[in-house]
């Protein structure tokens, strides 16, 4: 099997430098071959050490949600990106936003802008799920409840001191639907509070959702 055929058969997944060099172990200079594959349009570099199948490979490529997990790890997709994925906010999202235990970072790549915001443990690890994307792709994404909590926790200057303020933020600012909010698992959200930043604001949101 030629290298372009190997890339084609793995086109739905991110391709690491280590994986590529394992495929090119018979080459004396595998890095030179990788650069040649990029020049030929058979590989596309997302960031240093991470690639996807290039434009000359006519096959399904990894989705940005999956790529977000790989560009910086550990991480999971959250806030507006996840809320939009679930259809909970009407706005179209132009960057792929994730949470991480590492320092906050931003990557401007050919696939788009990927942002990563630091969250502390153990709060970081709550409310995550693995979702199935297209073509047997899987990604770690915040649950709707966690994505909303993360949105509140990571929005600079946001403090919700009353139910009226929380309602206005959810319905008027984020334009979330009351019917969808009623489906939120607020007892689960309450379990996160002791380890969460902005405890008071999150409690106010939970009380507001429970009152709907």
N, C-alpha and C. Protein backbone atom coordinates (compact mmCIF):
# COMPACT_ATOMS: atom_id res chain seq x y z
N UNK A 1 0.85 -1.20 0.00
CA UNK A 1 0.00 0.00 0.00
C UNK A 1 0.89 1.25 0.00
N UNK A 2 0.62 2.18 -0.90
CA UNK A 2 1.42 3.40 -0.98
C UNK A 2 1.05 4.33 0.17
N UNK A 3 1.92 5.32 0.43
CA UNK A 3 1.69 6.21 1.56
C UNK A 3 0.42 7.05 1.35
N UNK A 4 0.13 7.44 0.11
CA UNK A 4 -1.10 8.21 -0.11
C UNK A 4 -2.34 7.36 0.15
N UNK A 5 -2.26 6.05 -0.11
CA UNK A 5 -3.37 5.16 0.19
C UNK A 5 -3.54 4.99 1.70
N UNK A 6 -2.41 4.92 2.41
CA UNK A 6 -2.46 4.81 3.87
C UNK A 6 -3.11 6.07 4.47
N UNK A 7 -2.71 7.24 3.97
CA UNK A 7 -3.30 8.49 4.45
C UNK A 7 -4.79 8.52 4.16
N UNK A 8 -5.17 8.06 2.97
CA UNK A 8 -6.59 8.03 2.59
C UNK A 8 -7.40 7.19 3.57
N UNK A 9 -6.88 6.03 3.94
CA UNK A 9 -7.61 5.12 4.82
C UNK A 9 -7.67 5.63 6.26
N UNK A 10 -6.86 6.62 6.60
CA UNK A 10 -6.88 7.21 7.94
C UNK A 10 -7.33 8.68 7.89
N UNK A 11 -8.01 9.06 6.83
CA UNK A 11 -8.30 10.48 6.60
C UNK A 11 -9.27 11.09 7.61
N UNK A 12 -10.06 10.26 8.30
CA UNK A 12 -11.03 10.81 9.25
C UNK A 12 -10.41 11.14 10.60
N UNK A 13 -9.11 10.82 10.77
CA UNK A 13 -8.47 11.00 12.06
C UNK A 13 -7.29 11.98 11.98
N UNK A 14 -6.98 12.65 13.09
CA UNK A 14 -5.75 13.46 13.14
C UNK A 14 -4.54 12.54 13.00
N UNK A 15 -3.52 13.04 12.34
CA UNK A 15 -2.31 12.25 12.09
C UNK A 15 -1.14 12.89 12.82
N UNK A 16 -0.59 12.18 13.78
CA UNK A 16 0.54 12.72 14.54
C UNK A 16 1.85 12.46 13.82
N UNK A 17 2.86 13.23 14.18
CA UNK A 17 4.19 13.05 13.60
C UNK A 17 4.70 11.65 13.90
N UNK A 18 4.44 11.16 15.10
CA UNK A 18 4.89 9.82 15.48
C UNK A 18 4.24 8.75 14.60
N UNK A 19 2.95 8.92 14.32
CA UNK A 19 2.25 7.96 13.46
C UNK A 19 2.81 7.99 12.04
N UNK A 20 3.04 9.19 11.53
CA UNK A 20 3.57 9.32 10.17
C UNK A 20 4.96 8.69 10.06
N UNK A 21 5.82 8.94 11.03
CA UNK A 21 7.17 8.37 10.96
C UNK A 21 7.13 6.84 11.06
N UNK A 22 6.12 6.30 11.76
CA UNK A 22 6.00 4.84 11.81
C UNK A 22 5.62 4.27 10.44
N UNK A 23 4.85 5.04 9.69
CA UNK A 23 4.49 4.61 8.32
C UNK A 23 5.68 4.77 7.38
N UNK A 24 6.58 5.68 7.71
CA UNK A 24 7.70 6.01 6.83
C UNK A 24 9.02 5.45 7.37
N UNK A 25 8.95 4.39 8.13
CA UNK A 25 10.15 3.85 8.79
C UNK A 25 11.20 3.35 7.80
N UNK A 26 10.80 3.08 6.56
CA UNK A 26 11.77 2.60 5.57
C UNK A 26 12.54 3.75 4.90
N UNK A 27 12.13 4.99 5.21
CA UNK A 27 12.82 6.16 4.63
C UNK A 27 13.96 6.58 5.56
N UNK A 28 15.10 6.93 4.96
CA UNK A 28 16.23 7.39 5.76
C UNK A 28 15.93 8.73 6.41
N UNK A 29 15.18 9.58 5.70
CA UNK A 29 14.84 10.91 6.22
C UNK A 29 13.31 11.06 6.18
N UNK A 30 12.61 10.49 7.15
CA UNK A 30 11.14 10.56 7.14
C UNK A 30 10.60 11.99 7.19
N UNK A 31 11.32 12.89 7.86
CA UNK A 31 10.86 14.29 7.92
C UNK A 31 10.87 14.94 6.55
N UNK A 32 11.87 14.60 5.73
CA UNK A 32 11.91 15.12 4.36
C UNK A 32 10.71 14.61 3.58
N UNK A 33 10.35 13.36 3.78
CA UNK A 33 9.20 12.79 3.08
C UNK A 33 7.90 13.45 3.55
N UNK A 34 7.81 13.73 4.84
CA UNK A 34 6.62 14.42 5.35
C UNK A 34 6.49 15.80 4.70
N UNK A 35 7.59 16.52 4.59
CA UNK A 35 7.57 17.83 3.93
C UNK A 35 7.17 17.70 2.47
N UNK A 36 7.64 16.63 1.81
CA UNK A 36 7.27 16.40 0.42
C UNK A 36 5.78 16.11 0.29
N UNK A 37 5.24 15.34 1.21
CA UNK A 37 3.81 15.03 1.19
C UNK A 37 2.97 16.29 1.39
N UNK A 38 3.47 17.20 2.23
CA UNK A 38 2.79 18.49 2.40
C UNK A 38 2.83 19.29 1.11
N UNK A 39 3.99 19.33 0.46
CA UNK A 39 4.13 20.07 -0.80
C UNK A 39 3.24 19.51 -1.90
N UNK A 40 3.04 18.19 -1.87
CA UNK A 40 2.21 17.52 -2.88
C UNK A 40 0.72 17.61 -2.58
N UNK A 41 0.35 18.20 -1.44
CA UNK A 41 -1.06 18.32 -1.09
C UNK A 41 -1.66 17.05 -0.52
N UNK A 42 -0.80 16.11 -0.11
CA UNK A 42 -1.28 14.86 0.47
C UNK A 42 -1.40 14.95 1.99
N UNK A 43 -0.70 15.93 2.57
CA UNK A 43 -0.79 16.19 3.99
C UNK A 43 -1.00 17.69 4.20
N UNK A 44 -1.71 18.03 5.28
CA UNK A 44 -1.88 19.43 5.66
C UNK A 44 -1.51 19.56 7.14
N UNK A 45 -0.66 20.53 7.45
CA UNK A 45 -0.22 20.73 8.82
C UNK A 45 -1.23 21.58 9.58
N UNK A 46 -1.67 21.09 10.73
CA UNK A 46 -2.59 21.84 11.59
C UNK A 46 -1.80 22.64 12.62
N UNK A 47 -0.83 22.00 13.23
CA UNK A 47 0.14 22.65 14.11
C UNK A 47 1.37 21.77 14.11
N UNK A 48 2.43 22.20 14.77
CA UNK A 48 3.66 21.41 14.78
C UNK A 48 3.38 20.01 15.33
N UNK A 49 3.69 19.00 14.53
CA UNK A 49 3.52 17.62 14.95
C UNK A 49 2.14 17.03 14.77
N UNK A 50 1.21 17.81 14.18
CA UNK A 50 -0.16 17.32 13.99
C UNK A 50 -0.63 17.67 12.58
N UNK A 51 -1.15 16.67 11.88
CA UNK A 51 -1.53 16.83 10.48
C UNK A 51 -2.90 16.21 10.23
N UNK A 52 -3.48 16.57 9.07
CA UNK A 52 -4.64 15.88 8.54
C UNK A 52 -4.36 15.58 7.07
N UNK A 53 -5.18 14.72 6.48
CA UNK A 53 -5.04 14.44 5.05
C UNK A 53 -5.17 15.74 4.26
N UNK A 54 -4.35 15.89 3.23
CA UNK A 54 -4.32 17.12 2.45
C UNK A 54 -5.43 17.22 1.42
N UNK A 55 -5.44 18.34 0.70
CA UNK A 55 -6.53 18.62 -0.25
C UNK A 55 -6.55 17.63 -1.42
N UNK A 56 -5.41 17.00 -1.71
CA UNK A 56 -5.38 16.02 -2.80
C UNK A 56 -6.00 14.68 -2.40
N UNK A 57 -6.22 14.49 -1.11
CA UNK A 57 -6.88 13.28 -0.62
C UNK A 57 -8.38 13.57 -0.54
N UNK A 58 -9.12 13.02 -1.49
CA UNK A 58 -10.55 13.30 -1.56
C UNK A 58 -11.31 12.31 -0.68
N UNK A 59 -11.36 12.64 0.59
CA UNK A 59 -12.02 11.78 1.57
C UNK A 59 -12.47 12.65 2.73
N UNK A 60 -13.30 12.09 3.60
CA UNK A 60 -13.81 12.83 4.76
C UNK A 60 -12.67 13.13 5.72
N UNK A 61 -12.58 14.38 6.14
CA UNK A 61 -11.53 14.81 7.05
C UNK A 61 -12.07 14.85 8.49
N UNK A 62 -11.19 14.96 9.48
CA UNK A 62 -11.65 15.06 10.87
C UNK A 62 -12.48 16.32 11.08
N UNK A 63 -13.51 16.23 11.90
CA UNK A 63 -14.30 17.40 12.25
C UNK A 63 -13.52 18.27 13.24
N UNK A 64 -13.87 19.55 13.25
CA UNK A 64 -13.15 20.48 14.12
C UNK A 64 -13.33 20.13 15.60
N UNK A 65 -14.48 19.55 15.95
CA UNK A 65 -14.71 19.16 17.34
C UNK A 65 -13.70 18.10 17.77
N UNK A 66 -13.45 17.14 16.89
CA UNK A 66 -12.45 16.11 17.18
C UNK A 66 -11.05 16.71 17.22
N UNK A 67 -10.75 17.59 16.27
CA UNK A 67 -9.42 18.19 16.22
C UNK A 67 -9.13 18.99 17.49
N UNK A 68 -10.17 19.62 18.03
CA UNK A 68 -9.98 20.43 19.25
C UNK A 68 -9.42 19.59 20.39
N UNK A 69 -9.88 18.33 20.48
CA UNK A 69 -9.37 17.44 21.54
C UNK A 69 -7.90 17.13 21.36
N UNK A 70 -7.41 17.18 20.11
CA UNK A 70 -6.03 16.76 19.81
C UNK A 70 -5.03 17.91 19.73
N UNK A 71 -5.50 19.10 19.41
CA UNK A 71 -4.58 20.23 19.28
C UNK A 71 -3.94 20.56 20.62
N UNK A 72 -4.73 20.46 21.69
CA UNK A 72 -4.18 20.62 23.04
C UNK A 72 -4.93 19.68 23.97
N UNK A 73 -4.19 18.87 24.68
CA UNK A 73 -4.82 17.95 25.61
C UNK A 73 -4.14 18.00 26.97
N UNK A 74 -4.87 17.65 28.03
CA UNK A 74 -6.28 17.26 27.99
C UNK A 74 -7.19 18.46 27.76
N UNK A 75 -8.27 18.23 27.07
CA UNK A 75 -9.23 19.29 26.81
C UNK A 75 -10.57 18.69 26.41
N UNK A 76 -11.60 19.51 26.49
CA UNK A 76 -12.92 19.12 25.97
C UNK A 76 -13.60 20.37 25.42
N UNK A 77 -14.45 20.18 24.44
CA UNK A 77 -15.15 21.28 23.79
C UNK A 77 -16.29 21.75 24.70
N UNK A 78 -16.44 23.07 24.83
CA UNK A 78 -17.42 23.59 25.78
C UNK A 78 -17.94 24.96 25.36
N UNK A 79 -18.49 25.66 26.32
CA UNK A 79 -19.10 27.00 26.21
C UNK A 79 -19.88 27.17 24.90
N UNK A 80 -19.69 28.26 24.17
CA UNK A 80 -20.53 28.53 23.01
C UNK A 80 -20.50 27.43 21.95
N UNK A 81 -19.33 26.81 21.76
CA UNK A 81 -19.22 25.76 20.75
C UNK A 81 -20.13 24.59 21.09
N UNK A 82 -20.11 24.16 22.34
CA UNK A 82 -20.96 23.06 22.77
C UNK A 82 -22.43 23.48 22.81
N UNK A 83 -22.72 24.67 23.33
CA UNK A 83 -24.10 25.15 23.40
C UNK A 83 -24.71 25.25 22.00
N UNK A 84 -23.91 25.70 21.03
CA UNK A 84 -24.37 25.76 19.65
C UNK A 84 -24.58 24.36 19.08
N UNK A 85 -23.67 23.44 19.38
CA UNK A 85 -23.78 22.05 18.92
C UNK A 85 -25.11 21.44 19.36
N UNK A 86 -25.51 21.73 20.61
CA UNK A 86 -26.76 21.18 21.14
C UNK A 86 -27.98 21.98 20.71
N UNK A 87 -27.78 23.06 19.97
CA UNK A 87 -28.90 23.88 19.53
C UNK A 87 -29.50 24.73 20.63
N UNK A 88 -28.71 25.04 21.66
CA UNK A 88 -29.22 25.79 22.81
C UNK A 88 -29.06 27.29 22.65
N UNK A 89 -28.18 27.72 21.78
CA UNK A 89 -28.04 29.15 21.47
C UNK A 89 -28.13 29.32 19.96
N UNK A 90 -28.70 30.43 19.51
CA UNK A 90 -28.91 30.62 18.06
C UNK A 90 -27.69 31.10 17.30
N UNK A 91 -26.70 31.66 18.01
CA UNK A 91 -25.56 32.26 17.32
C UNK A 91 -24.70 31.21 16.63
N UNK A 92 -24.21 31.57 15.45
CA UNK A 92 -23.23 30.75 14.77
C UNK A 92 -21.87 30.98 15.43
N UNK A 93 -21.17 29.90 15.67
CA UNK A 93 -19.89 29.98 16.38
C UNK A 93 -18.75 29.96 15.38
N UNK A 94 -17.83 30.92 15.52
CA UNK A 94 -16.73 31.06 14.55
C UNK A 94 -15.39 30.57 15.08
N UNK A 95 -15.34 30.23 16.37
CA UNK A 95 -14.12 29.64 16.90
C UNK A 95 -14.51 28.41 17.70
N UNK A 96 -13.58 27.49 17.83
CA UNK A 96 -13.84 26.26 18.55
C UNK A 96 -13.26 26.43 19.94
N UNK A 97 -14.14 26.49 20.93
CA UNK A 97 -13.74 26.82 22.30
C UNK A 97 -13.71 25.58 23.17
N UNK A 98 -12.62 25.41 23.89
CA UNK A 98 -12.44 24.25 24.76
C UNK A 98 -11.95 24.69 26.13
N UNK A 99 -12.09 23.77 27.08
CA UNK A 99 -11.53 23.94 28.42
C UNK A 99 -10.34 22.99 28.57
N UNK A 100 -9.38 23.37 29.40
CA UNK A 100 -8.19 22.55 29.61
C UNK A 100 -7.69 22.72 31.04
N UNK A 101 -6.93 21.75 31.53
CA UNK A 101 -6.27 21.91 32.82
C UNK A 101 -4.94 22.64 32.67
N UNK A 102 -4.50 22.83 31.44
CA UNK A 102 -3.25 23.55 31.18
C UNK A 102 -3.49 25.05 31.11
N UNK A 103 -2.45 25.80 30.84
CA UNK A 103 -2.58 27.25 30.70
C UNK A 103 -3.45 27.58 29.49
N UNK A 104 -4.17 28.67 29.57
CA UNK A 104 -5.02 29.09 28.46
C UNK A 104 -4.17 29.36 27.22
N UNK A 105 -4.68 28.91 26.07
CA UNK A 105 -3.93 29.06 24.81
C UNK A 105 -4.90 29.37 23.68
N UNK A 106 -4.34 29.86 22.56
CA UNK A 106 -5.11 30.03 21.33
C UNK A 106 -4.25 29.56 20.17
N UNK A 107 -4.87 28.81 19.25
CA UNK A 107 -4.18 28.30 18.07
C UNK A 107 -4.94 28.77 16.83
N UNK A 108 -4.25 29.51 15.99
CA UNK A 108 -4.83 29.95 14.72
C UNK A 108 -4.35 28.97 13.65
N UNK A 109 -5.22 28.11 13.15
CA UNK A 109 -4.84 27.02 12.26
C UNK A 109 -5.58 27.11 10.94
N UNK A 110 -5.17 26.33 9.93
CA UNK A 110 -5.92 26.30 8.67
C UNK A 110 -7.35 25.80 8.84
N UNK A 111 -7.64 25.11 9.96
CA UNK A 111 -8.99 24.61 10.22
C UNK A 111 -9.83 25.60 11.01
N UNK A 112 -9.24 26.70 11.44
CA UNK A 112 -9.97 27.68 12.22
C UNK A 112 -9.22 28.05 13.48
N UNK A 113 -9.84 28.87 14.30
CA UNK A 113 -9.25 29.32 15.56
C UNK A 113 -9.74 28.41 16.69
N UNK A 114 -8.79 27.87 17.43
CA UNK A 114 -9.10 26.98 18.55
C UNK A 114 -8.62 27.67 19.84
N UNK A 115 -9.54 27.90 20.77
CA UNK A 115 -9.18 28.53 22.03
C UNK A 115 -9.33 27.53 23.18
N UNK A 116 -8.46 27.69 24.18
CA UNK A 116 -8.46 26.80 25.34
C UNK A 116 -8.37 27.66 26.59
N UNK A 117 -9.32 27.46 27.50
CA UNK A 117 -9.37 28.24 28.74
C UNK A 117 -9.10 27.31 29.92
N UNK A 118 -8.23 27.75 30.80
CA UNK A 118 -7.86 26.94 31.96
C UNK A 118 -9.01 26.83 32.95
N UNK A 119 -9.22 25.61 33.45
CA UNK A 119 -10.15 25.36 34.56
C UNK A 119 -9.44 24.51 35.60
N UNK A 120 -9.76 24.70 36.87
CA UNK A 120 -9.11 23.92 37.93
C UNK A 120 -9.75 22.53 38.08
N UNK A 121 -8.96 21.60 38.55
CA UNK A 121 -9.48 20.30 38.98
C UNK A 121 -9.99 20.43 40.41
N UNK A 122 -11.02 19.66 40.82
CA UNK A 122 -11.71 18.63 40.03
C UNK A 122 -12.86 19.15 39.18
N UNK A 123 -13.18 20.46 39.31
CA UNK A 123 -14.32 21.00 38.55
C UNK A 123 -14.19 20.68 37.06
N UNK A 124 -13.00 20.76 36.53
CA UNK A 124 -12.76 20.49 35.11
C UNK A 124 -13.38 19.17 34.66
N UNK A 125 -13.28 18.15 35.49
CA UNK A 125 -13.63 16.79 35.07
C UNK A 125 -15.12 16.47 35.14
N UNK A 126 -15.93 17.37 35.65
CA UNK A 126 -17.36 17.10 35.78
C UNK A 126 -18.10 17.28 34.46
N UNK A 127 -19.16 16.51 34.27
CA UNK A 127 -20.12 16.76 33.19
C UNK A 127 -19.60 16.60 31.79
N UNK A 128 -18.73 15.62 31.57
CA UNK A 128 -18.19 15.41 30.22
C UNK A 128 -18.85 14.19 29.58
N UNK A 129 -18.94 14.22 28.27
CA UNK A 129 -19.49 13.08 27.54
C UNK A 129 -18.73 12.88 26.24
N UNK A 130 -18.72 11.65 25.77
CA UNK A 130 -18.13 11.34 24.47
C UNK A 130 -19.25 11.27 23.45
N UNK A 131 -19.17 12.09 22.43
CA UNK A 131 -20.22 12.12 21.42
C UNK A 131 -19.70 11.56 20.10
N UNK A 132 -20.59 10.94 19.36
CA UNK A 132 -20.25 10.39 18.06
C UNK A 132 -20.51 11.43 16.98
N UNK A 133 -19.49 11.71 16.18
CA UNK A 133 -19.61 12.64 15.07
C UNK A 133 -19.82 11.84 13.80
N UNK A 134 -19.49 12.40 12.68
CA UNK A 134 -19.60 11.69 11.41
C UNK A 134 -18.48 10.67 11.24
N UNK A 135 -18.73 9.65 10.45
CA UNK A 135 -17.69 8.71 10.02
C UNK A 135 -16.89 8.10 11.17
N UNK A 136 -17.62 7.63 12.18
CA UNK A 136 -16.98 6.95 13.32
C UNK A 136 -15.98 7.85 14.05
N UNK A 137 -16.20 9.14 14.03
CA UNK A 137 -15.38 10.05 14.80
C UNK A 137 -16.04 10.30 16.16
N UNK A 138 -15.21 10.40 17.19
CA UNK A 138 -15.72 10.62 18.55
C UNK A 138 -14.94 11.77 19.19
N UNK A 139 -15.64 12.57 19.99
CA UNK A 139 -14.99 13.71 20.63
C UNK A 139 -15.53 13.88 22.04
N UNK A 140 -14.69 14.46 22.91
CA UNK A 140 -15.11 14.74 24.28
C UNK A 140 -15.67 16.16 24.33
N UNK A 141 -16.93 16.25 24.75
CA UNK A 141 -17.65 17.53 24.75
C UNK A 141 -18.36 17.68 26.09
N UNK A 142 -18.47 18.91 26.57
CA UNK A 142 -19.23 19.18 27.79
C UNK A 142 -20.70 18.85 27.58
N UNK A 143 -21.35 18.36 28.62
CA UNK A 143 -22.80 18.21 28.59
C UNK A 143 -23.41 19.62 28.50
N UNK A 144 -24.68 19.72 28.12
CA UNK A 144 -25.30 21.06 28.08
C UNK A 144 -25.17 21.80 29.41
N UNK A 145 -25.38 21.07 30.52
CA UNK A 145 -25.28 21.69 31.84
C UNK A 145 -23.87 22.21 32.11
N UNK A 146 -22.86 21.40 31.79
CA UNK A 146 -21.48 21.82 32.06
C UNK A 146 -21.07 22.96 31.13
N UNK A 147 -21.51 22.91 29.89
CA UNK A 147 -21.18 23.99 28.95
C UNK A 147 -21.72 25.33 29.44
N UNK A 148 -22.93 25.31 29.99
CA UNK A 148 -23.50 26.55 30.54
C UNK A 148 -22.73 27.00 31.77
N UNK A 149 -22.42 26.07 32.67
CA UNK A 149 -21.63 26.44 33.85
C UNK A 149 -20.28 27.01 33.44
N UNK A 150 -19.63 26.37 32.49
CA UNK A 150 -18.33 26.86 32.01
C UNK A 150 -18.45 28.26 31.42
N UNK A 151 -19.55 28.51 30.72
CA UNK A 151 -19.77 29.82 30.12
C UNK A 151 -19.82 30.89 31.20
N UNK A 152 -20.53 30.60 32.27
CA UNK A 152 -20.65 31.56 33.37
C UNK A 152 -19.32 31.72 34.10
N UNK A 153 -18.66 30.60 34.37
CA UNK A 153 -17.40 30.61 35.12
C UNK A 153 -16.30 31.36 34.38
N UNK A 154 -16.27 31.24 33.06
CA UNK A 154 -15.15 31.81 32.29
C UNK A 154 -15.44 33.16 31.65
N UNK A 155 -16.66 33.68 31.84
CA UNK A 155 -16.97 35.00 31.29
C UNK A 155 -16.50 36.08 32.25
N UNK A 156 -15.49 36.80 31.84
CA UNK A 156 -14.89 37.82 32.70
C UNK A 156 -15.91 38.90 33.07
N UNK A 157 -15.95 39.24 34.37
CA UNK A 157 -16.81 40.32 34.83
C UNK A 157 -18.26 39.94 35.06
N UNK A 158 -18.61 38.68 34.76
CA UNK A 158 -20.01 38.26 34.92
C UNK A 158 -20.25 37.77 36.34
N UNK A 159 -21.18 38.43 37.04
CA UNK A 159 -21.63 38.00 38.36
C UNK A 159 -23.15 38.08 38.38
N UNK A 160 -23.79 36.98 38.74
CA UNK A 160 -25.25 36.91 38.77
C UNK A 160 -25.70 36.91 40.21
N UNK A 161 -26.28 38.03 40.67
CA UNK A 161 -26.62 38.20 42.08
C UNK A 161 -28.10 37.98 42.39
N UNK A 162 -28.92 37.84 41.37
CA UNK A 162 -30.35 37.67 41.59
C UNK A 162 -30.93 36.74 40.54
N UNK A 163 -32.11 36.18 40.82
CA UNK A 163 -32.77 35.33 39.84
C UNK A 163 -33.18 36.14 38.61
N UNK A 164 -33.55 37.39 38.84
CA UNK A 164 -33.93 38.24 37.71
C UNK A 164 -32.72 38.47 36.79
N UNK A 165 -31.56 38.68 37.42
CA UNK A 165 -30.35 38.86 36.63
C UNK A 165 -29.96 37.60 35.90
N UNK A 166 -30.10 36.45 36.57
CA UNK A 166 -29.77 35.16 35.93
C UNK A 166 -30.72 34.87 34.78
N UNK A 167 -32.01 35.15 34.98
CA UNK A 167 -32.99 34.93 33.91
C UNK A 167 -32.67 35.80 32.70
N UNK A 168 -32.35 37.06 32.95
CA UNK A 168 -32.02 37.97 31.86
C UNK A 168 -30.79 37.49 31.09
N UNK A 169 -29.80 36.99 31.83
CA UNK A 169 -28.59 36.49 31.17
C UNK A 169 -28.89 35.28 30.30
N UNK A 170 -29.66 34.34 30.84
CA UNK A 170 -29.95 33.10 30.11
C UNK A 170 -30.85 33.34 28.90
N UNK A 171 -31.92 34.09 29.11
CA UNK A 171 -32.96 34.22 28.07
C UNK A 171 -32.73 35.42 27.15
N UNK A 172 -32.33 36.54 27.72
CA UNK A 172 -32.15 37.75 26.90
C UNK A 172 -30.76 37.83 26.28
N UNK A 173 -29.73 37.49 27.07
CA UNK A 173 -28.36 37.59 26.59
C UNK A 173 -27.98 36.38 25.73
N UNK A 174 -28.07 35.19 26.32
CA UNK A 174 -27.70 33.98 25.57
C UNK A 174 -28.81 33.53 24.62
N UNK A 175 -30.02 34.01 24.86
CA UNK A 175 -31.20 33.67 24.05
C UNK A 175 -31.47 32.16 24.07
N UNK A 176 -31.35 31.59 25.26
CA UNK A 176 -31.68 30.19 25.46
C UNK A 176 -33.19 30.05 25.64
N UNK A 177 -33.74 28.94 25.20
CA UNK A 177 -35.17 28.69 25.24
C UNK A 177 -35.54 28.13 26.62
N UNK A 178 -36.61 28.65 27.21
CA UNK A 178 -37.03 28.20 28.53
C UNK A 178 -37.35 26.70 28.54
N UNK A 179 -37.97 26.23 27.49
CA UNK A 179 -38.32 24.81 27.43
C UNK A 179 -37.08 23.94 27.48
N UNK A 180 -36.03 24.35 26.78
CA UNK A 180 -34.77 23.60 26.79
C UNK A 180 -34.12 23.66 28.17
N UNK A 181 -34.18 24.81 28.80
CA UNK A 181 -33.58 24.96 30.13
C UNK A 181 -34.28 24.07 31.16
N UNK A 182 -35.59 23.87 31.00
CA UNK A 182 -36.33 23.02 31.93
C UNK A 182 -35.83 21.58 31.90
N UNK A 183 -35.18 21.20 30.80
CA UNK A 183 -34.67 19.83 30.67
C UNK A 183 -33.32 19.64 31.36
N UNK A 184 -32.72 20.73 31.85
CA UNK A 184 -31.40 20.64 32.48
C UNK A 184 -31.49 19.84 33.78
N UNK A 185 -30.45 19.07 34.03
CA UNK A 185 -30.34 18.26 35.23
C UNK A 185 -29.72 19.12 36.33
N UNK A 186 -30.54 19.88 37.02
CA UNK A 186 -30.02 20.79 38.03
C UNK A 186 -29.47 20.08 39.28
N UNK A 187 -30.03 18.93 39.70
CA UNK A 187 -29.39 18.22 40.83
C UNK A 187 -27.95 17.84 40.52
N UNK A 188 -27.67 17.46 39.27
CA UNK A 188 -26.30 17.15 38.88
C UNK A 188 -25.43 18.40 38.96
N UNK A 189 -25.96 19.54 38.51
CA UNK A 189 -25.22 20.79 38.56
C UNK A 189 -24.89 21.16 40.00
N UNK A 190 -25.83 20.90 40.91
CA UNK A 190 -25.61 21.22 42.31
C UNK A 190 -24.44 20.43 42.90
N UNK A 191 -24.24 19.22 42.39
CA UNK A 191 -23.14 18.39 42.88
C UNK A 191 -21.77 18.99 42.55
N UNK A 192 -21.73 19.86 41.55
CA UNK A 192 -20.45 20.45 41.14
C UNK A 192 -20.09 21.70 41.94
N UNK A 193 -21.08 22.29 42.61
CA UNK A 193 -20.94 23.63 43.17
C UNK A 193 -19.76 23.77 44.13
N UNK A 194 -19.60 22.80 45.03
CA UNK A 194 -18.55 22.94 46.06
C UNK A 194 -17.16 23.09 45.47
N UNK A 195 -16.95 22.56 44.28
CA UNK A 195 -15.63 22.62 43.65
C UNK A 195 -15.58 23.60 42.48
N UNK A 196 -16.61 24.40 42.33
CA UNK A 196 -16.70 25.28 41.16
C UNK A 196 -16.30 26.72 41.49
N UNK A 197 -15.69 27.41 40.54
CA UNK A 197 -15.54 28.86 40.67
C UNK A 197 -16.93 29.52 40.56
N UNK A 198 -17.07 30.73 41.03
CA UNK A 198 -18.32 31.50 40.93
C UNK A 198 -19.51 30.71 41.48
N UNK A 199 -19.36 30.15 42.66
CA UNK A 199 -20.41 29.33 43.26
C UNK A 199 -21.74 30.07 43.35
N UNK A 200 -21.71 31.34 43.80
CA UNK A 200 -22.95 32.09 43.99
C UNK A 200 -23.69 32.29 42.67
N UNK A 201 -22.95 32.60 41.62
CA UNK A 201 -23.59 32.81 40.32
C UNK A 201 -24.20 31.52 39.80
N UNK A 202 -23.49 30.42 39.97
CA UNK A 202 -24.01 29.13 39.51
C UNK A 202 -25.25 28.72 40.31
N UNK A 203 -25.23 28.95 41.62
CA UNK A 203 -26.41 28.64 42.43
C UNK A 203 -27.62 29.47 42.00
N UNK A 204 -27.39 30.72 41.64
CA UNK A 204 -28.48 31.58 41.17
C UNK A 204 -29.05 31.07 39.86
N UNK A 205 -28.19 30.56 38.98
CA UNK A 205 -28.65 30.00 37.72
C UNK A 205 -29.48 28.74 37.97
N UNK A 206 -29.02 27.89 38.87
CA UNK A 206 -29.75 26.66 39.19
C UNK A 206 -31.13 27.01 39.76
N UNK A 207 -31.21 27.96 40.68
CA UNK A 207 -32.48 28.37 41.25
C UNK A 207 -33.42 28.93 40.17
N UNK A 208 -32.83 29.67 39.25
CA UNK A 208 -33.64 30.27 38.17
C UNK A 208 -34.21 29.20 37.27
N UNK A 209 -33.38 28.23 36.90
CA UNK A 209 -33.86 27.14 36.04
C UNK A 209 -34.94 26.33 36.75
N UNK A 210 -34.75 26.07 38.04
CA UNK A 210 -35.74 25.30 38.80
C UNK A 210 -37.07 26.04 38.93
N UNK A 211 -37.03 27.35 38.80
CA UNK A 211 -38.27 28.14 38.95
C UNK A 211 -39.08 28.23 37.67
N UNK A 212 -38.49 27.79 36.55
CA UNK A 212 -39.19 27.93 35.26
C UNK A 212 -40.39 26.99 35.16
